[in-house]
Amino acid sequence: MAKTVKVLTVCGTGGVTSSVIGAKVKEILKAAGYESEVTTCKVIEVGTHLQLFRPDLVVASTPVPNCPVPVISGMPFLTGVGVDRARDEILKALGDQT
């Protein structure tokens, strides 16, 4: 049984941008053999989601200060530039060797 990874995707308004990032992260995790649970939120809601959702990592299109879990930039999933590097960072944060 594959480990379920919890990912919090964050943008300024918690809308479309974080949803697009979440969908792409979900694809990456599936291809790497992970089950995933993705939740989106506004950057101002991160603290609450960290306590309630308890994500393994955060993927964000905006800076997320003082976060106790790894934060990966989600901008590559919006621009298409640096997607492989972001993918590797996500897998490394989860303990995979890449």
PDB file of N, CA and C in Angstrom:
ATOM      1  N   MET A   1       0.838  -1.173   0.000  1.00  0.00           N
ATOM      2  CA  MET A   1       0.000   0.000   0.000  1.00  0.00           C
ATOM      3  C   MET A   1       0.885   1.238   0.000  1.00  0.00           C
ATOM      4  N   ALA A   2       0.614   2.166  -0.899  1.00  0.00           N
ATOM      5  CA  ALA A   2       1.410   3.375  -1.026  1.00  0.00           C
ATOM      6  C   ALA A   2       1.102   4.345   0.110  1.00  0.00           C
ATOM      7  N   LYS A   3       2.142   5.046   0.549  1.00  0.00           N
ATOM      8  CA  LYS A   3       1.957   6.062   1.577  1.00  0.00           C
ATOM      9  C   LYS A   3       1.139   7.216   0.994  1.00  0.00           C
ATOM     10  N   THR A   4       0.216   7.745   1.779  1.00  0.00           N
ATOM     11  CA  THR A   4      -0.544   8.909   1.348  1.00  0.00           C
ATOM     12  C   THR A   4       0.192  10.159   1.797  1.00  0.00           C
ATOM     13  N   VAL A   5       0.477  11.021   0.840  1.00  0.00           N
ATOM     14  CA  VAL A   5       1.175  12.271   1.088  1.00  0.00           C
ATOM     15  C   VAL A   5       0.144  13.390   1.125  1.00  0.00           C
ATOM     16  N   LYS A   6       0.232  14.225   2.146  1.00  0.00           N
ATOM     17  CA  LYS A   6      -0.654  15.382   2.250  1.00  0.00           C
ATOM     18  C   LYS A   6       0.100  16.616   1.770  1.00  0.00           C
ATOM     19  N   VAL A   7      -0.497  17.301   0.794  1.00  0.00           N
ATOM     20  CA  VAL A   7       0.124  18.482   0.207  1.00  0.00           C
ATOM     21  C   VAL A   7      -0.830  19.657   0.323  1.00  0.00           C
ATOM     22  N   LEU A   8      -0.302  20.765   0.802  1.00  0.00           N
ATOM     23  CA  LEU A   8      -1.060  22.008   0.860  1.00  0.00           C
ATOM     24  C   LEU A   8      -0.556  22.895  -0.260  1.00  0.00           C
ATOM     25  N   THR A   9      -1.433  23.263  -1.194  1.00  0.00           N
ATOM     26  CA  THR A   9      -1.032  24.169  -2.260  1.00  0.00           C
ATOM     27  C   THR A   9      -1.590  25.548  -1.936  1.00  0.00           C
ATOM     28  N   VAL A  10      -0.739  26.555  -2.108  1.00  0.00           N
ATOM     29  CA  VAL A  10      -1.035  27.895  -1.618  1.00  0.00           C
ATOM     30  C   VAL A  10      -0.827  28.935  -2.708  1.00  0.00           C
ATOM     31  N   CYS A  11      -1.770  29.887  -2.759  1.00  0.00           N
ATOM     32  CA  CYS A  11      -1.596  31.065  -3.599  1.00  0.00           C
ATOM     33  C   CYS A  11      -2.217  32.248  -2.855  1.00  0.00           C
ATOM     34  N   GLY A  12      -2.195  33.398  -3.470  1.00  0.00           N
ATOM     35  CA  GLY A  12      -2.693  34.593  -2.812  1.00  0.00           C
ATOM     36  C   GLY A  12      -4.158  34.543  -2.449  1.00  0.00           C
ATOM     37  N   THR A  13      -4.979  33.919  -3.302  1.00  0.00           N
ATOM     38  CA  THR A  13      -6.423  33.913  -3.069  1.00  0.00           C
ATOM     39  C   THR A  13      -7.010  32.528  -2.827  1.00  0.00           C
ATOM     40  N   GLY A  14      -6.203  31.482  -2.917  1.00  0.00           N
ATOM     41  CA  GLY A  14      -6.695  30.130  -2.673  1.00  0.00           C
ATOM     42  C   GLY A  14      -7.628  29.626  -3.759  1.00  0.00           C
ATOM     43  N   GLY A  15      -7.478  30.154  -4.953  1.00  0.00           N
ATOM     44  CA  GLY A  15      -8.390  29.807  -6.045  1.00  0.00           C
ATOM     45  C   GLY A  15      -7.745  28.961  -7.119  1.00  0.00           C
ATOM     46  N   VAL A  16      -7.835  29.454  -8.332  1.00  0.00           N
ATOM     47  CA  VAL A  16      -7.417  28.691  -9.511  1.00  0.00           C
ATOM     48  C   VAL A  16      -5.935  28.357  -9.493  1.00  0.00           C
ATOM     49  N   THR A  17      -5.101  29.303  -9.129  1.00  0.00           N
ATOM     50  CA  THR A  17      -3.659  29.069  -9.166  1.00  0.00           C
ATOM     51  C   THR A  17      -3.260  27.886  -8.289  1.00  0.00           C
ATOM     52  N   SER A  18      -3.743  27.861  -7.064  1.00  0.00           N
ATOM     53  CA  SER A  18      -3.380  26.751  -6.181  1.00  0.00           C
ATOM     54  C   SER A  18      -4.001  25.439  -6.656  1.00  0.00           C
ATOM     55  N   SER A  19      -5.142  25.514  -7.306  1.00  0.00           N
ATOM     56  CA  SER A  19      -5.770  24.301  -7.851  1.00  0.00           C
ATOM     57  C   SER A  19      -4.965  23.728  -9.011  1.00  0.00           C
ATOM     58  N   VAL A  20      -4.448  24.598  -9.876  1.00  0.00           N
ATOM     59  CA  VAL A  20      -3.617  24.152 -11.005  1.00  0.00           C
ATOM     60  C   VAL A  20      -2.342  23.500 -10.473  1.00  0.00           C
ATOM     61  N   ILE A  21      -1.717  24.153  -9.508  1.00  0.00           N
ATOM     62  CA  ILE A  21      -0.507  23.593  -8.912  1.00  0.00           C
ATOM     63  C   ILE A  21      -0.823  22.236  -8.274  1.00  0.00           C
ATOM     64  N   GLY A  22      -1.917  22.165  -7.547  1.00  0.00           N
ATOM     65  CA  GLY A  22      -2.304  20.922  -6.882  1.00  0.00           C
ATOM     66  C   GLY A  22      -2.502  19.768  -7.846  1.00  0.00           C
ATOM     67  N   ALA A  23      -3.143  20.040  -8.975  1.00  0.00           N
ATOM     68  CA  ALA A  23      -3.371  18.991  -9.971  1.00  0.00           C
ATOM     69  C   ALA A  23      -2.055  18.461 -10.523  1.00  0.00           C
ATOM     70  N   LYS A  24      -1.113  19.359 -10.772  1.00  0.00           N
ATOM     71  CA  LYS A  24       0.176  18.929 -11.322  1.00  0.00           C
ATOM     72  C   LYS A  24       1.003  18.182 -10.290  1.00  0.00           C
ATOM     73  N   VAL A  25       0.944  18.615  -9.038  1.00  0.00           N
ATOM     74  CA  VAL A  25       1.661  17.912  -7.973  1.00  0.00           C
ATOM     75  C   VAL A  25       1.072  16.519  -7.784  1.00  0.00           C
ATOM     76  N   LYS A  26      -0.233  16.406  -7.853  1.00  0.00           N
ATOM     77  CA  LYS A  26      -0.909  15.118  -7.730  1.00  0.00           C
ATOM     78  C   LYS A  26      -0.420  14.150  -8.818  1.00  0.00           C
ATOM     79  N   GLU A  27      -0.262  14.641 -10.054  1.00  0.00           N
ATOM     80  CA  GLU A  27       0.249  13.814 -11.158  1.00  0.00           C
ATOM     81  C   GLU A  27       1.668  13.334 -10.869  1.00  0.00           C
ATOM     82  N   ILE A  28       2.506  14.237 -10.380  1.00  0.00           N
ATOM     83  CA  ILE A  28       3.894  13.888 -10.062  1.00  0.00           C
ATOM     84  C   ILE A  28       3.935  12.801  -8.996  1.00  0.00           C
ATOM     85  N   LEU A  29       3.152  12.980  -7.958  1.00  0.00           N
ATOM     86  CA  LEU A  29       3.147  12.002  -6.873  1.00  0.00           C
ATOM     87  C   LEU A  29       2.616  10.649  -7.332  1.00  0.00           C
ATOM     88  N   LYS A  30       1.592  10.667  -8.148  1.00  0.00           N
ATOM     89  CA  LYS A  30       1.046   9.409  -8.670  1.00  0.00           C
ATOM     90  C   LYS A  30       2.101   8.669  -9.496  1.00  0.00           C
ATOM     91  N   ALA A  31       2.807   9.411 -10.352  1.00  0.00           N
ATOM     92  CA  ALA A  31       3.848   8.796 -11.185  1.00  0.00           C
ATOM     93  C   ALA A  31       4.981   8.227 -10.337  1.00  0.00           C
ATOM     94  N   ALA A  32       5.199   8.799  -9.147  1.00  0.00           N
ATOM     95  CA  ALA A  32       6.254   8.322  -8.251  1.00  0.00           C
ATOM     96  C   ALA A  32       5.758   7.226  -7.307  1.00  0.00           C
ATOM     97  N   GLY A  33       4.482   6.828  -7.444  1.00  0.00           N
ATOM     98  CA  GLY A  33       3.951   5.732  -6.646  1.00  0.00           C
ATOM     99  C   GLY A  33       3.287   6.137  -5.342  1.00  0.00           C
ATOM    100  N   TYR A  34       3.012   7.426  -5.187  1.00  0.00           N
ATOM    101  CA  TYR A  34       2.354   7.906  -3.973  1.00  0.00           C
ATOM    102  C   TYR A  34       0.863   8.098  -4.188  1.00  0.00           C
ATOM    103  N   GLU A  35       0.113   7.870  -3.139  1.00  0.00           N
ATOM    104  CA  GLU A  35      -1.273   8.334  -3.069  1.00  0.00           C
ATOM    105  C   GLU A  35      -1.147   9.762  -2.555  1.00  0.00           C
ATOM    106  N   SER A  36      -2.110  10.639  -2.860  1.00  0.00           N
ATOM    107  CA  SER A  36      -1.991  11.999  -2.344  1.00  0.00           C
ATOM    108  C   SER A  36      -3.341  12.585  -1.988  1.00  0.00           C
ATOM    109  N   GLU A  37      -3.276  13.482  -1.055  1.00  0.00           N
ATOM    110  CA  GLU A  37      -4.424  14.270  -0.642  1.00  0.00           C
ATOM    111  C   GLU A  37      -3.958  15.723  -0.739  1.00  0.00           C
ATOM    112  N   VAL A  38      -4.619  16.496  -1.580  1.00  0.00           N
ATOM    113  CA  VAL A  38      -4.209  17.876  -1.821  1.00  0.00           C
ATOM    114  C   VAL A  38      -5.316  18.817  -1.378  1.00  0.00           C
ATOM    115  N   THR A  39      -4.921  19.825  -0.614  1.00  0.00           N
ATOM    116  CA  THR A  39      -5.840  20.863  -0.176  1.00  0.00           C
ATOM    117  C   THR A  39      -5.267  22.205  -0.585  1.00  0.00           C
ATOM    118  N   THR A  40      -6.121  23.111  -1.021  1.00  0.00           N
ATOM    119  CA  THR A  40      -5.691  24.449  -1.427  1.00  0.00           C
ATOM    120  C   THR A  40      -6.109  25.481  -0.391  1.00  0.00           C
ATOM    121  N   CYS A  41      -5.346  26.580  -0.346  1.00  0.00           N
ATOM    122  CA  CYS A  41      -5.732  27.662   0.548  1.00  0.00           C
ATOM    123  C   CYS A  41      -5.056  28.965   0.158  1.00  0.00           C
ATOM    124  N   LYS A  42      -5.533  30.051   0.775  1.00  0.00           N
ATOM    125  CA  LYS A  42      -4.911  31.369   0.663  1.00  0.00           C
ATOM    126  C   LYS A  42      -3.690  31.386   1.568  1.00  0.00           C
ATOM    127  N   VAL A  43      -2.735  32.228   1.236  1.00  0.00           N
ATOM    128  CA  VAL A  43      -1.529  32.311   2.051  1.00  0.00           C
ATOM    129  C   VAL A  43      -1.858  32.725   3.491  1.00  0.00           C
ATOM    130  N   ILE A  44      -2.868  33.543   3.695  1.00  0.00           N
ATOM    131  CA  ILE A  44      -3.212  33.962   5.060  1.00  0.00           C
ATOM    132  C   ILE A  44      -3.860  32.839   5.871  1.00  0.00           C
ATOM    133  N   GLU A  45      -4.231  31.743   5.224  1.00  0.00           N
ATOM    134  CA  GLU A  45      -4.857  30.608   5.905  1.00  0.00           C
ATOM    135  C   GLU A  45      -3.884  29.465   6.212  1.00  0.00           C
ATOM    136  N   VAL A  46      -2.624  29.641   5.854  1.00  0.00           N
ATOM    137  CA  VAL A  46      -1.656  28.553   5.998  1.00  0.00           C
ATOM    138  C   VAL A  46      -1.567  28.044   7.434  1.00  0.00           C
ATOM    139  N   GLY A  47      -1.491  28.941   8.401  1.00  0.00           N
ATOM    140  CA  GLY A  47      -1.360  28.525   9.797  1.00  0.00           C
ATOM    141  C   GLY A  47      -2.466  27.584  10.238  1.00  0.00           C
ATOM    142  N   THR A  48      -3.691  27.928   9.888  1.00  0.00           N
ATOM    143  CA  THR A  48      -4.833  27.084  10.243  1.00  0.00           C
ATOM    144  C   THR A  48      -4.745  25.731   9.549  1.00  0.00           C
ATOM    145  N   HIS A  49      -4.391  25.736   8.263  1.00  0.00           N
ATOM    146  CA  HIS A  49      -4.301  24.476   7.523  1.00  0.00           C
ATOM    147  C   HIS A  49      -3.149  23.599   8.019  1.00  0.00           C
ATOM    148  N   LEU A  50      -2.071  24.224   8.481  1.00  0.00           N
ATOM    149  CA  LEU A  50      -0.975  23.431   9.046  1.00  0.00           C
ATOM    150  C   LEU A  50      -1.448  22.668  10.278  1.00  0.00           C
ATOM    151  N   GLN A  51      -2.271  23.295  11.085  1.00  0.00           N
ATOM    152  CA  GLN A  51      -2.770  22.646  12.296  1.00  0.00           C
ATOM    153  C   GLN A  51      -3.842  21.603  12.005  1.00  0.00           C
ATOM    154  N   LEU A  52      -4.761  21.919  11.108  1.00  0.00           N
ATOM    155  CA  LEU A  52      -5.889  21.020  10.856  1.00  0.00           C
ATOM    156  C   LEU A  52      -5.587  19.918   9.838  1.00  0.00           C
ATOM    157  N   PHE A  53      -4.918  20.272   8.744  1.00  0.00           N
ATOM    158  CA  PHE A  53      -4.658  19.336   7.654  1.00  0.00           C
ATOM    159  C   PHE A  53      -3.356  18.560   7.876  1.00  0.00           C
ATOM    160  N   ARG A  54      -2.402  19.183   8.548  1.00  0.00           N
ATOM    161  CA  ARG A  54      -1.094  18.593   8.835  1.00  0.00           C
ATOM    162  C   ARG A  54      -0.390  18.055   7.582  1.00  0.00           C
ATOM    163  N   PRO A  55      -0.071  18.959   6.641  1.00  0.00           N
ATOM    164  CA  PRO A  55       0.549  18.515   5.392  1.00  0.00           C
ATOM    165  C   PRO A  55       1.988  18.046   5.577  1.00  0.00           C
ATOM    166  N   ASP A  56       2.419  17.198   4.651  1.00  0.00           N
ATOM    167  CA  ASP A  56       3.808  16.756   4.610  1.00  0.00           C
ATOM    168  C   ASP A  56       4.684  17.814   3.949  1.00  0.00           C
ATOM    169  N   LEU A  57       4.084  18.576   3.041  1.00  0.00           N
ATOM    170  CA  LEU A  57       4.797  19.661   2.385  1.00  0.00           C
ATOM    171  C   LEU A  57       3.812  20.681   1.844  1.00  0.00           C
ATOM    172  N   VAL A  58       4.372  21.858   1.546  1.00  0.00           N
ATOM    173  CA  VAL A  58       3.598  22.958   0.987  1.00  0.00           C
ATOM    174  C   VAL A  58       4.199  23.294  -0.365  1.00  0.00           C
ATOM    175  N   VAL A  59       3.341  23.481  -1.371  1.00  0.00           N
ATOM    176  CA  VAL A  59       3.780  23.935  -2.682  1.00  0.00           C
ATOM    177  C   VAL A  59       3.031  25.241  -2.930  1.00  0.00           C
ATOM    178  N   ALA A  60       3.793  26.330  -3.107  1.00  0.00           N
ATOM    179  CA  ALA A  60       3.182  27.650  -3.111  1.00  0.00           C
ATOM    180  C   ALA A  60       3.651  28.527  -4.262  1.00  0.00           C
ATOM    181  N   SER A  61       2.750  29.386  -4.719  1.00  0.00           N
ATOM    182  CA  SER A  61       3.100  30.356  -5.760  1.00  0.00           C
ATOM    183  C   SER A  61       3.488  31.693  -5.152  1.00  0.00           C
ATOM    184  N   THR A  62       3.472  31.779  -3.854  1.00  0.00           N
ATOM    185  CA  THR A  62       3.793  32.999  -3.130  1.00  0.00           C
ATOM    186  C   THR A  62       4.629  32.623  -1.906  1.00  0.00           C
ATOM    187  N   PRO A  63       5.433  33.536  -1.374  1.00  0.00           N
ATOM    188  CA  PRO A  63       6.229  33.188  -0.188  1.00  0.00           C
ATOM    189  C   PRO A  63       5.354  32.780   0.999  1.00  0.00           C
ATOM    190  N   VAL A  64       5.799  31.748   1.700  1.00  0.00           N
ATOM    191  CA  VAL A  64       5.113  31.261   2.903  1.00  0.00           C
ATOM    192  C   VAL A  64       6.125  31.334   4.048  1.00  0.00           C
ATOM    193  N   PRO A  65       6.017  32.372   4.889  1.00  0.00           N
ATOM    194  CA  PRO A  65       7.003  32.538   5.968  1.00  0.00           C
ATOM    195  C   PRO A  65       6.758  31.603   7.147  1.00  0.00           C
ATOM    196  N   ASN A  66       7.836  31.290   7.844  1.00  0.00           N
ATOM    197  CA  ASN A  66       7.772  30.534   9.110  1.00  0.00           C
ATOM    198  C   ASN A  66       6.982  29.232   9.006  1.00  0.00           C
ATOM    199  N   CYS A  67       7.280  28.444   8.009  1.00  0.00           N
ATOM    200  CA  CYS A  67       6.557  27.190   7.804  1.00  0.00           C
ATOM    201  C   CYS A  67       7.414  26.028   8.309  1.00  0.00           C
ATOM    202  N   PRO A  68       6.868  25.196   9.197  1.00  0.00           N
ATOM    203  CA  PRO A  68       7.646  24.093   9.770  1.00  0.00           C
ATOM    204  C   PRO A  68       7.804  22.870   8.858  1.00  0.00           C
ATOM    205  N   VAL A  69       7.125  22.855   7.713  1.00  0.00           N
ATOM    206  CA  VAL A  69       7.282  21.756   6.758  1.00  0.00           C
ATOM    207  C   VAL A  69       7.937  22.317   5.497  1.00  0.00           C
ATOM    208  N   PRO A  70       8.529  21.454   4.665  1.00  0.00           N
ATOM    209  CA  PRO A  70       9.182  21.948   3.451  1.00  0.00           C
ATOM    210  C   PRO A  70       8.211  22.737   2.564  1.00  0.00           C
ATOM    211  N   VAL A  71       8.715  23.854   2.033  1.00  0.00           N
ATOM    212  CA  VAL A  71       7.946  24.686   1.103  1.00  0.00           C
ATOM    213  C   VAL A  71       8.673  24.669  -0.237  1.00  0.00           C
ATOM    214  N   ILE A  72       7.951  24.254  -1.274  1.00  0.00           N
ATOM    215  CA  ILE A  72       8.490  24.175  -2.631  1.00  0.00           C
ATOM    216  C   ILE A  72       7.787  25.232  -3.470  1.00  0.00           C
ATOM    217  N   SER A  73       8.531  25.902  -4.339  1.00  0.00           N
ATOM    218  CA  SER A  73       7.917  26.883  -5.230  1.00  0.00           C
ATOM    219  C   SER A  73       7.036  26.182  -6.258  1.00  0.00           C
ATOM    220  N   GLY A  74       5.799  26.653  -6.380  1.00  0.00           N
ATOM    221  CA  GLY A  74       4.870  26.105  -7.362  1.00  0.00           C
ATOM    222  C   GLY A  74       4.888  26.842  -8.689  1.00  0.00           C
ATOM    223  N   MET A  75       5.683  27.905  -8.781  1.00  0.00           N
ATOM    224  CA  MET A  75       5.720  28.700 -10.014  1.00  0.00           C
ATOM    225  C   MET A  75       6.089  27.888 -11.254  1.00  0.00           C
ATOM    226  N   PRO A  76       7.013  26.921 -11.167  1.00  0.00           N
ATOM    227  CA  PRO A  76       7.314  26.127 -12.358  1.00  0.00           C
ATOM    228  C   PRO A  76       6.085  25.428 -12.954  1.00  0.00           C
ATOM    229  N   PHE A  77       5.119  25.080 -12.113  1.00  0.00           N
ATOM    230  CA  PHE A  77       3.930  24.396 -12.615  1.00  0.00           C
ATOM    231  C   PHE A  77       2.979  25.351 -13.316  1.00  0.00           C
ATOM    232  N   LEU A  78       3.208  26.640 -13.147  1.00  0.00           N
ATOM    233  CA  LEU A  78       2.401  27.653 -13.832  1.00  0.00           C
ATOM    234  C   LEU A  78       3.092  28.156 -15.096  1.00  0.00           C
ATOM    235  N   THR A  79       4.431  28.252 -15.042  1.00  0.00           N
ATOM    236  CA  THR A  79       5.182  28.810 -16.167  1.00  0.00           C
ATOM    237  C   THR A  79       5.739  27.752 -17.108  1.00  0.00           C
ATOM    238  N   GLY A  80       5.914  26.529 -16.594  1.00  0.00           N
ATOM    239  CA  GLY A  80       6.524  25.474 -17.398  1.00  0.00           C
ATOM    240  C   GLY A  80       8.042  25.490 -17.342  1.00  0.00           C
ATOM    241  N   VAL A  81       8.629  26.476 -16.663  1.00  0.00           N
ATOM    242  CA  VAL A  81      10.081  26.604 -16.562  1.00  0.00           C
ATOM    243  C   VAL A  81      10.541  26.040 -15.225  1.00  0.00           C
ATOM    244  N   GLY A  82      11.393  25.021 -15.273  1.00  0.00           N
ATOM    245  CA  GLY A  82      11.935  24.436 -14.052  1.00  0.00           C
ATOM    246  C   GLY A  82      11.070  23.353 -13.434  1.00  0.00           C
ATOM    247  N   VAL A  83      10.179  22.755 -14.224  1.00  0.00           N
ATOM    248  CA  VAL A  83       9.280  21.724 -13.702  1.00  0.00           C
ATOM    249  C   VAL A  83      10.054  20.513 -13.183  1.00  0.00           C
ATOM    250  N   ASP A  84      11.074  20.088 -13.917  1.00  0.00           N
ATOM    251  CA  ASP A  84      11.858  18.918 -13.476  1.00  0.00           C
ATOM    252  C   ASP A  84      12.544  19.186 -12.143  1.00  0.00           C
ATOM    253  N   ARG A  85      13.081  20.379 -11.967  1.00  0.00           N
ATOM    254  CA  ARG A  85      13.737  20.725 -10.705  1.00  0.00           C
ATOM    255  C   ARG A  85      12.722  20.738  -9.563  1.00  0.00           C
ATOM    256  N   ALA A  86      11.554  21.325  -9.797  1.00  0.00           N
ATOM    257  CA  ALA A  86      10.514  21.363  -8.762  1.00  0.00           C
ATOM    258  C   ALA A  86      10.066  19.949  -8.413  1.00  0.00           C
ATOM    259  N   ARG A  87       9.918  19.102  -9.420  1.00  0.00           N
ATOM    260  CA  ARG A  87       9.543  17.706  -9.192  1.00  0.00           C
ATOM    261  C   ARG A  87      10.575  17.027  -8.308  1.00  0.00           C
ATOM    262  N   ASP A  88      11.858  17.226  -8.629  1.00  0.00           N
ATOM    263  CA  ASP A  88      12.929  16.625  -7.835  1.00  0.00           C
ATOM    264  C   ASP A  88      12.919  17.148  -6.398  1.00  0.00           C
ATOM    265  N   GLU A  89      12.650  18.434  -6.216  1.00  0.00           N
ATOM    266  CA  GLU A  89      12.590  19.016  -4.870  1.00  0.00           C
ATOM    267  C   GLU A  89      11.451  18.395  -4.059  1.00  0.00           C
ATOM    268  N   ILE A  90      10.316  18.184  -4.710  1.00  0.00           N
ATOM    269  CA  ILE A  90       9.169  17.570  -4.031  1.00  0.00           C
ATOM    270  C   ILE A  90       9.524  16.156  -3.580  1.00  0.00           C
ATOM    271  N   LEU A  91      10.073  15.364  -4.476  1.00  0.00           N
ATOM    272  CA  LEU A  91      10.415  13.990  -4.146  1.00  0.00           C
ATOM    273  C   LEU A  91      11.520  13.920  -3.100  1.00  0.00           C
ATOM    274  N   LYS A  92      12.487  14.819  -3.178  1.00  0.00           N
ATOM    275  CA  LYS A  92      13.553  14.863  -2.182  1.00  0.00           C
ATOM    276  C   LYS A  92      12.987  15.208  -0.808  1.00  0.00           C
ATOM    277  N   ALA A  93      12.050  16.161  -0.766  1.00  0.00           N
ATOM    278  CA  ALA A  93      11.417  16.546   0.505  1.00  0.00           C
ATOM    279  C   ALA A  93      10.671  15.373   1.129  1.00  0.00           C
ATOM    280  N   LEU A  94      10.212  14.457   0.295  1.00  0.00           N
ATOM    281  CA  LEU A  94       9.488  13.270   0.781  1.00  0.00           C
ATOM    282  C   LEU A  94      10.429  12.108   1.082  1.00  0.00           C
ATOM    283  N   GLY A  95      11.717  12.319   0.839  1.00  0.00           N
ATOM    284  CA  GLY A  95      12.703  11.291   1.169  1.00  0.00           C
ATOM    285  C   GLY A  95      13.097  10.389   0.024  1.00  0.00           C
ATOM    286  N   ASP A  96      12.592  10.673  -1.188  1.00  0.00           N
ATOM    287  CA  ASP A  96      12.976   9.862  -2.341  1.00  0.00           C
ATOM    288  C   ASP A  96      14.357  10.275  -2.830  1.00  0.00           C
ATOM    289  N   GLN A  97      15.106   9.337  -3.326  1.00  0.00           N
ATOM    290  CA  GLN A  97      16.395   9.625  -3.949  1.00  0.00           C
ATOM    291  C   GLN A  97      16.150   9.958  -5.404  1.00  0.00           C
ATOM    292  N   THR A  98      16.565  11.136  -5.830  1.00  0.00           N
ATOM    293  CA  THR A  98      16.400  11.526  -7.241  1.00  0.00           C
ATOM    294  C   THR A  98      17.725  11.910  -7.837  1.00  0.00           C
TER     295      THR A  98
END
